[in-house]
Amino acid sequence: MTEDYKPTDNAIAERVNGIIKQEWLYRMKRPSDVVAARESLAGIIDFYNNRRPHRSNRDMLPPVRLREALTCV
């Protein structure tokens, strides 16, 4: 048997999913097909990972924060 799933089991992934839904998916026009949905989601993920400031990074862009962290070593 499998255990019951709780959102707290993977809180970080659930948070990212919630952000993507709130900031993009609920506001956009529904994609016409699976290919369009995948392309749209790929763009959203790229923006989230590279061009969106994150509070956990002191509102810095992830690549900027990574560069800063690597130069402190």
PDB file of N, CA and C in Angstrom:
ATOM      1  N   MET A   1       0.830  -1.187   0.000  1.00  0.00           N
ATOM      2  CA  MET A   1       0.000   0.000   0.000  1.00  0.00           C
ATOM      3  C   MET A   1       0.874   1.250   0.000  1.00  0.00           C
ATOM      4  N   THR A   2       0.330   2.302  -0.554  1.00  0.00           N
ATOM      5  CA  THR A   2       1.045   3.575  -0.547  1.00  0.00           C
ATOM      6  C   THR A   2       0.502   4.455   0.566  1.00  0.00           C
ATOM      7  N   GLU A   3       1.336   5.362   1.007  1.00  0.00           N
ATOM      8  CA  GLU A   3       0.916   6.301   2.044  1.00  0.00           C
ATOM      9  C   GLU A   3       0.086   7.409   1.420  1.00  0.00           C
ATOM     10  N   ASP A   4      -0.713   8.055   2.240  1.00  0.00           N
ATOM     11  CA  ASP A   4      -1.474   9.207   1.765  1.00  0.00           C
ATOM     12  C   ASP A   4      -0.511  10.335   1.434  1.00  0.00           C
ATOM     13  N   TYR A   5      -0.835  11.074   0.382  1.00  0.00           N
ATOM     14  CA  TYR A   5      -0.002  12.202  -0.025  1.00  0.00           C
ATOM     15  C   TYR A   5      -0.438  13.451   0.722  1.00  0.00           C
ATOM     16  N   LYS A   6       0.525  14.222   1.167  1.00  0.00           N
ATOM     17  CA  LYS A   6       0.263  15.507   1.803  1.00  0.00           C
ATOM     18  C   LYS A   6       1.112  16.559   1.081  1.00  0.00           C
ATOM     19  N   PRO A   7       0.566  17.748   0.798  1.00  0.00           N
ATOM     20  CA  PRO A   7       1.358  18.790   0.140  1.00  0.00           C
ATOM     21  C   PRO A   7       2.653  19.119   0.874  1.00  0.00           C
ATOM     22  N   THR A   8       2.672  18.925   2.179  1.00  0.00           N
ATOM     23  CA  THR A   8       3.882  19.229   2.944  1.00  0.00           C
ATOM     24  C   THR A   8       4.995  18.213   2.696  1.00  0.00           C
ATOM     25  N   ASP A   9       4.672  17.098   2.034  1.00  0.00           N
ATOM     26  CA  ASP A   9       5.696  16.102   1.724  1.00  0.00           C
ATOM     27  C   ASP A   9       6.754  16.666   0.783  1.00  0.00           C
ATOM     28  N   ASN A  10       6.365  17.599  -0.068  1.00  0.00           N
ATOM     29  CA  ASN A  10       7.295  18.209  -1.007  1.00  0.00           C
ATOM     30  C   ASN A  10       6.956  19.696  -1.109  1.00  0.00           C
ATOM     31  N   ALA A  11       7.141  20.395  -0.023  1.00  0.00           N
ATOM     32  CA  ALA A  11       6.680  21.778   0.098  1.00  0.00           C
ATOM     33  C   ALA A  11       7.292  22.719  -0.928  1.00  0.00           C
ATOM     34  N   ILE A  12       8.559  22.560  -1.248  1.00  0.00           N
ATOM     35  CA  ILE A  12       9.207  23.469  -2.203  1.00  0.00           C
ATOM     36  C   ILE A  12       8.596  23.312  -3.590  1.00  0.00           C
ATOM     37  N   ALA A  13       8.437  22.082  -4.045  1.00  0.00           N
ATOM     38  CA  ALA A  13       7.830  21.850  -5.362  1.00  0.00           C
ATOM     39  C   ALA A  13       6.393  22.355  -5.386  1.00  0.00           C
ATOM     40  N   GLU A  14       5.659  22.146  -4.312  1.00  0.00           N
ATOM     41  CA  GLU A  14       4.278  22.625  -4.251  1.00  0.00           C
ATOM     42  C   GLU A  14       4.235  24.147  -4.303  1.00  0.00           C
ATOM     43  N   ARG A  15       5.190  24.811  -3.673  1.00  0.00           N
ATOM     44  CA  ARG A  15       5.245  26.272  -3.703  1.00  0.00           C
ATOM     45  C   ARG A  15       5.507  26.769  -5.122  1.00  0.00           C
ATOM     46  N   VAL A  16       6.456  26.151  -5.798  1.00  0.00           N
ATOM     47  CA  VAL A  16       6.761  26.543  -7.179  1.00  0.00           C
ATOM     48  C   VAL A  16       5.534  26.327  -8.058  1.00  0.00           C
ATOM     49  N   ASN A  17       4.878  25.191  -7.910  1.00  0.00           N
ATOM     50  CA  ASN A  17       3.666  24.928  -8.696  1.00  0.00           C
ATOM     51  C   ASN A  17       2.608  25.994  -8.434  1.00  0.00           C
ATOM     52  N   GLY A  18       2.433  26.382  -7.180  1.00  0.00           N
ATOM     53  CA  GLY A  18       1.460  27.412  -6.840  1.00  0.00           C
ATOM     54  C   GLY A  18       1.802  28.760  -7.453  1.00  0.00           C
ATOM     55  N   ILE A  19       3.073  29.120  -7.429  1.00  0.00           N
ATOM     56  CA  ILE A  19       3.512  30.386  -8.026  1.00  0.00           C
ATOM     57  C   ILE A  19       3.247  30.378  -9.525  1.00  0.00           C
ATOM     58  N   ILE A  20       3.594  29.295 -10.190  1.00  0.00           N
ATOM     59  CA  ILE A  20       3.369  29.200 -11.637  1.00  0.00           C
ATOM     60  C   ILE A  20       1.882  29.327 -11.948  1.00  0.00           C
ATOM     61  N   LYS A  21       1.043  28.656 -11.182  1.00  0.00           N
ATOM     62  CA  LYS A  21      -0.403  28.748 -11.413  1.00  0.00           C
ATOM     63  C   LYS A  21      -0.897  30.172 -11.202  1.00  0.00           C
ATOM     64  N   GLN A  22      -0.546  30.790 -10.084  1.00  0.00           N
ATOM     65  CA  GLN A  22      -1.067  32.116  -9.756  1.00  0.00           C
ATOM     66  C   GLN A  22      -0.537  33.207 -10.670  1.00  0.00           C
ATOM     67  N   GLU A  23       0.742  33.166 -10.984  1.00  0.00           N
ATOM     68  CA  GLU A  23       1.337  34.260 -11.749  1.00  0.00           C
ATOM     69  C   GLU A  23       1.153  34.122 -13.253  1.00  0.00           C
ATOM     70  N   TRP A  24       0.944  32.912 -13.730  1.00  0.00           N
ATOM     71  CA  TRP A  24       0.842  32.734 -15.180  1.00  0.00           C
ATOM     72  C   TRP A  24      -0.375  31.950 -15.630  1.00  0.00           C
ATOM     73  N   LEU A  25      -0.533  30.731 -15.198  1.00  0.00           N
ATOM     74  CA  LEU A  25      -1.538  29.848 -15.785  1.00  0.00           C
ATOM     75  C   LEU A  25      -2.961  30.356 -15.620  1.00  0.00           C
ATOM     76  N   TYR A  26      -3.299  30.920 -14.476  1.00  0.00           N
ATOM     77  CA  TYR A  26      -4.657  31.419 -14.272  1.00  0.00           C
ATOM     78  C   TYR A  26      -4.934  32.676 -15.084  1.00  0.00           C
ATOM     79  N   ARG A  27      -3.900  33.326 -15.569  1.00  0.00           N
ATOM     80  CA  ARG A  27      -4.057  34.589 -16.302  1.00  0.00           C
ATOM     81  C   ARG A  27      -3.968  34.437 -17.814  1.00  0.00           C
ATOM     82  N   MET A  28      -3.530  33.287 -18.283  1.00  0.00           N
ATOM     83  CA  MET A  28      -3.312  33.152 -19.717  1.00  0.00           C
ATOM     84  C   MET A  28      -4.462  32.450 -20.417  1.00  0.00           C
ATOM     85  N   LYS A  29      -4.482  32.648 -21.723  1.00  0.00           N
ATOM     86  CA  LYS A  29      -5.460  31.964 -22.552  1.00  0.00           C
ATOM     87  C   LYS A  29      -5.102  30.485 -22.613  1.00  0.00           C
ATOM     88  N   ARG A  30      -6.091  29.639 -22.611  1.00  0.00           N
ATOM     89  CA  ARG A  30      -5.858  28.194 -22.645  1.00  0.00           C
ATOM     90  C   ARG A  30      -5.152  27.811 -23.949  1.00  0.00           C
ATOM     91  N   PRO A  31      -4.060  27.045 -23.864  1.00  0.00           N
ATOM     92  CA  PRO A  31      -3.346  26.611 -25.074  1.00  0.00           C
ATOM     93  C   PRO A  31      -4.248  25.748 -25.960  1.00  0.00           C
ATOM     94  N   SER A  32      -3.998  25.804 -27.252  1.00  0.00           N
ATOM     95  CA  SER A  32      -4.848  25.082 -28.204  1.00  0.00           C
ATOM     96  C   SER A  32      -4.593  23.582 -28.217  1.00  0.00           C
ATOM     97  N   ASP A  33      -3.382  23.170 -27.850  1.00  0.00           N
ATOM     98  CA  ASP A  33      -3.068  21.737 -27.841  1.00  0.00           C
ATOM     99  C   ASP A  33      -1.907  21.465 -26.888  1.00  0.00           C
ATOM    100  N   VAL A  34      -1.528  20.211 -26.775  1.00  0.00           N
ATOM    101  CA  VAL A  34      -0.472  19.814 -25.840  1.00  0.00           C
ATOM    102  C   VAL A  34       0.864  20.443 -26.214  1.00  0.00           C
ATOM    103  N   VAL A  35       1.167  20.513 -27.497  1.00  0.00           N
ATOM    104  CA  VAL A  35       2.439  21.095 -27.935  1.00  0.00           C
ATOM    105  C   VAL A  35       2.509  22.566 -27.517  1.00  0.00           C
ATOM    106  N   ALA A  36       1.443  23.301 -27.748  1.00  0.00           N
ATOM    107  CA  ALA A  36       1.411  24.714 -27.353  1.00  0.00           C
ATOM    108  C   ALA A  36       1.521  24.859 -25.836  1.00  0.00           C
ATOM    109  N   ALA A  37       0.882  23.966 -25.098  1.00  0.00           N
ATOM    110  CA  ALA A  37       0.959  24.007 -23.632  1.00  0.00           C
ATOM    111  C   ALA A  37       2.386  23.764 -23.160  1.00  0.00           C
ATOM    112  N   ARG A  38       3.053  22.795 -23.757  1.00  0.00           N
ATOM    113  CA  ARG A  38       4.441  22.503 -23.367  1.00  0.00           C
ATOM    114  C   ARG A  38       5.364  23.671 -23.688  1.00  0.00           C
ATOM    115  N   GLU A  39       5.181  24.278 -24.859  1.00  0.00           N
ATOM    116  CA  GLU A  39       6.006  25.426 -25.234  1.00  0.00           C
ATOM    117  C   GLU A  39       5.781  26.591 -24.272  1.00  0.00           C
ATOM    118  N   SER A  40       4.531  26.828 -23.942  1.00  0.00           N
ATOM    119  CA  SER A  40       4.202  27.904 -23.019  1.00  0.00           C
ATOM    120  C   SER A  40       4.804  27.643 -21.642  1.00  0.00           C
ATOM    121  N   LEU A  41       4.654  26.427 -21.158  1.00  0.00           N
ATOM    122  CA  LEU A  41       5.201  26.078 -19.847  1.00  0.00           C
ATOM    123  C   LEU A  41       6.725  26.159 -19.844  1.00  0.00           C
ATOM    124  N   ALA A  42       7.361  25.779 -20.939  1.00  0.00           N
ATOM    125  CA  ALA A  42       8.825  25.880 -21.027  1.00  0.00           C
ATOM    126  C   ALA A  42       9.264  27.339 -20.888  1.00  0.00           C
ATOM    127  N   GLY A  43       8.536  28.252 -21.521  1.00  0.00           N
ATOM    128  CA  GLY A  43       8.847  29.677 -21.400  1.00  0.00           C
ATOM    129  C   GLY A  43       8.636  30.194 -19.986  1.00  0.00           C
ATOM    130  N   ILE A  44       7.565  29.735 -19.343  1.00  0.00           N
ATOM    131  CA  ILE A  44       7.282  30.133 -17.966  1.00  0.00           C
ATOM    132  C   ILE A  44       8.391  29.650 -17.037  1.00  0.00           C
ATOM    133  N   ILE A  45       8.801  28.407 -17.197  1.00  0.00           N
ATOM    134  CA  ILE A  45       9.855  27.841 -16.351  1.00  0.00           C
ATOM    135  C   ILE A  45      11.174  28.569 -16.566  1.00  0.00           C
ATOM    136  N   ASP A  46      11.488  28.891 -17.828  1.00  0.00           N
ATOM    137  CA  ASP A  46      12.714  29.642 -18.110  1.00  0.00           C
ATOM    138  C   ASP A  46      12.671  31.005 -17.422  1.00  0.00           C
ATOM    139  N   PHE A  47      11.540  31.687 -17.528  1.00  0.00           N
ATOM    140  CA  PHE A  47      11.405  32.988 -16.872  1.00  0.00           C
ATOM    141  C   PHE A  47      11.565  32.845 -15.365  1.00  0.00           C
ATOM    142  N   TYR A  48      10.891  31.867 -14.782  1.00  0.00           N
ATOM    143  CA  TYR A  48      10.953  31.648 -13.328  1.00  0.00           C
ATOM    144  C   TYR A  48      12.386  31.371 -12.876  1.00  0.00           C
ATOM    145  N   ASN A  49      13.096  30.549 -13.618  1.00  0.00           N
ATOM    146  CA  ASN A  49      14.445  30.146 -13.214  1.00  0.00           C
ATOM    147  C   ASN A  49      15.519  31.187 -13.497  1.00  0.00           C
ATOM    148  N   ASN A  50      15.287  32.083 -14.455  1.00  0.00           N
ATOM    149  CA  ASN A  50      16.363  32.974 -14.889  1.00  0.00           C
ATOM    150  C   ASN A  50      16.071  34.466 -14.809  1.00  0.00           C
ATOM    151  N   ARG A  51      14.808  34.870 -14.866  1.00  0.00           N
ATOM    152  CA  ARG A  51      14.513  36.297 -14.972  1.00  0.00           C
ATOM    153  C   ARG A  51      13.532  36.824 -13.935  1.00  0.00           C
ATOM    154  N   ARG A  52      13.095  35.982 -13.025  1.00  0.00           N
ATOM    155  CA  ARG A  52      12.154  36.404 -11.983  1.00  0.00           C
ATOM    156  C   ARG A  52      12.895  36.517 -10.657  1.00  0.00           C
ATOM    157  N   PRO A  53      12.815  37.693  -9.991  1.00  0.00           N
ATOM    158  CA  PRO A  53      13.449  37.814  -8.674  1.00  0.00           C
ATOM    159  C   PRO A  53      12.792  36.861  -7.673  1.00  0.00           C
ATOM    160  N   HIS A  54      13.592  36.341  -6.757  1.00  0.00           N
ATOM    161  CA  HIS A  54      13.090  35.418  -5.740  1.00  0.00           C
ATOM    162  C   HIS A  54      13.364  36.004  -4.362  1.00  0.00           C
ATOM    163  N   ARG A  55      12.359  35.991  -3.505  1.00  0.00           N
ATOM    164  CA  ARG A  55      12.548  36.506  -2.144  1.00  0.00           C
ATOM    165  C   ARG A  55      13.630  35.746  -1.399  1.00  0.00           C
ATOM    166  N   SER A  56      13.694  34.450  -1.633  1.00  0.00           N
ATOM    167  CA  SER A  56      14.709  33.650  -0.935  1.00  0.00           C
ATOM    168  C   SER A  56      16.122  34.027  -1.369  1.00  0.00           C
ATOM    169  N   ASN A  57      16.241  34.733  -2.487  1.00  0.00           N
ATOM    170  CA  ASN A  57      17.536  35.219  -2.980  1.00  0.00           C
ATOM    171  C   ASN A  57      17.679  36.720  -2.740  1.00  0.00           C
ATOM    172  N   ARG A  58      17.002  37.231  -1.735  1.00  0.00           N
ATOM    173  CA  ARG A  58      17.022  38.670  -1.439  1.00  0.00           C
ATOM    174  C   ARG A  58      16.544  39.485  -2.640  1.00  0.00           C
ATOM    175  N   ASP A  59      15.519  38.981  -3.311  1.00  0.00           N
ATOM    176  CA  ASP A  59      14.921  39.612  -4.495  1.00  0.00           C
ATOM    177  C   ASP A  59      15.901  39.790  -5.647  1.00  0.00           C
ATOM    178  N   MET A  60      16.883  38.913  -5.699  1.00  0.00           N
ATOM    179  CA  MET A  60      17.832  38.920  -6.813  1.00  0.00           C
ATOM    180  C   MET A  60      17.401  37.874  -7.833  1.00  0.00           C
ATOM    181  N   LEU A  61      17.855  38.054  -9.062  1.00  0.00           N
ATOM    182  CA  LEU A  61      17.622  37.033 -10.078  1.00  0.00           C
ATOM    183  C   LEU A  61      18.469  35.809  -9.740  1.00  0.00           C
ATOM    184  N   PRO A  62      17.960  34.614  -9.978  1.00  0.00           N
ATOM    185  CA  PRO A  62      18.726  33.411  -9.631  1.00  0.00           C
ATOM    186  C   PRO A  62      20.146  33.373 -10.200  1.00  0.00           C
ATOM    187  N   PRO A  63      20.375  33.711 -11.488  1.00  0.00           N
ATOM    188  CA  PRO A  63      21.762  33.657 -11.978  1.00  0.00           C
ATOM    189  C   PRO A  63      22.686  34.660 -11.279  1.00  0.00           C
ATOM    190  N   VAL A  64      22.147  35.824 -10.925  1.00  0.00           N
ATOM    191  CA  VAL A  64      22.941  36.838 -10.229  1.00  0.00           C
ATOM    192  C   VAL A  64      23.296  36.344  -8.833  1.00  0.00           C
ATOM    193  N   ARG A  65      22.325  35.785  -8.141  1.00  0.00           N
ATOM    194  CA  ARG A  65      22.569  35.264  -6.789  1.00  0.00           C
ATOM    195  C   ARG A  65      23.554  34.107  -6.826  1.00  0.00           C
ATOM    196  N   LEU A  66      23.438  33.242  -7.820  1.00  0.00           N
ATOM    197  CA  LEU A  66      24.372  32.120  -7.949  1.00  0.00           C
ATOM    198  C   LEU A  66      25.790  32.635  -8.152  1.00  0.00           C
ATOM    199  N   ARG A  67      25.953  33.610  -9.041  1.00  0.00           N
ATOM    200  CA  ARG A  67      27.270  34.192  -9.282  1.00  0.00           C
ATOM    201  C   ARG A  67      27.838  34.789  -7.999  1.00  0.00           C
ATOM    202  N   GLU A  68      26.990  35.498  -7.258  1.00  0.00           N
ATOM    203  CA  GLU A  68      27.427  36.088  -5.992  1.00  0.00           C
ATOM    204  C   GLU A  68      27.858  35.000  -5.008  1.00  0.00           C
ATOM    205  N   ALA A  69      27.077  33.950  -4.910  1.00  0.00           N
ATOM    206  CA  ALA A  69      27.397  32.863  -3.976  1.00  0.00           C
ATOM    207  C   ALA A  69      28.695  32.166  -4.363  1.00  0.00           C
ATOM    208  N   LEU A  70      28.928  31.995  -5.647  1.00  0.00           N
ATOM    209  CA  LEU A  70      30.138  31.303  -6.098  1.00  0.00           C
ATOM    210  C   LEU A  70      31.391  32.145  -5.911  1.00  0.00           C
ATOM    211  N   THR A  71      31.260  33.457  -5.971  1.00  0.00           N
ATOM    212  CA  THR A  71      32.439  34.308  -5.791  1.00  0.00           C
ATOM    213  C   THR A  71      32.784  34.498  -4.322  1.00  0.00           C
ATOM    214  N   CYS A  72      31.886  34.135  -3.424  1.00  0.00           N
ATOM    215  CA  CYS A  72      32.146  34.250  -1.981  1.00  0.00           C
ATOM    216  C   CYS A  72      32.929  33.068  -1.446  1.00  0.00           C
ATOM    217  N   VAL A  73      33.100  32.050  -2.245  1.00  0.00           N
ATOM    218  CA  VAL A  73      33.757  30.827  -1.759  1.00  0.00           C
ATOM    219  C   VAL A  73      35.246  31.000  -1.734  1.00  0.00           C
TER     220      VAL A  73
END
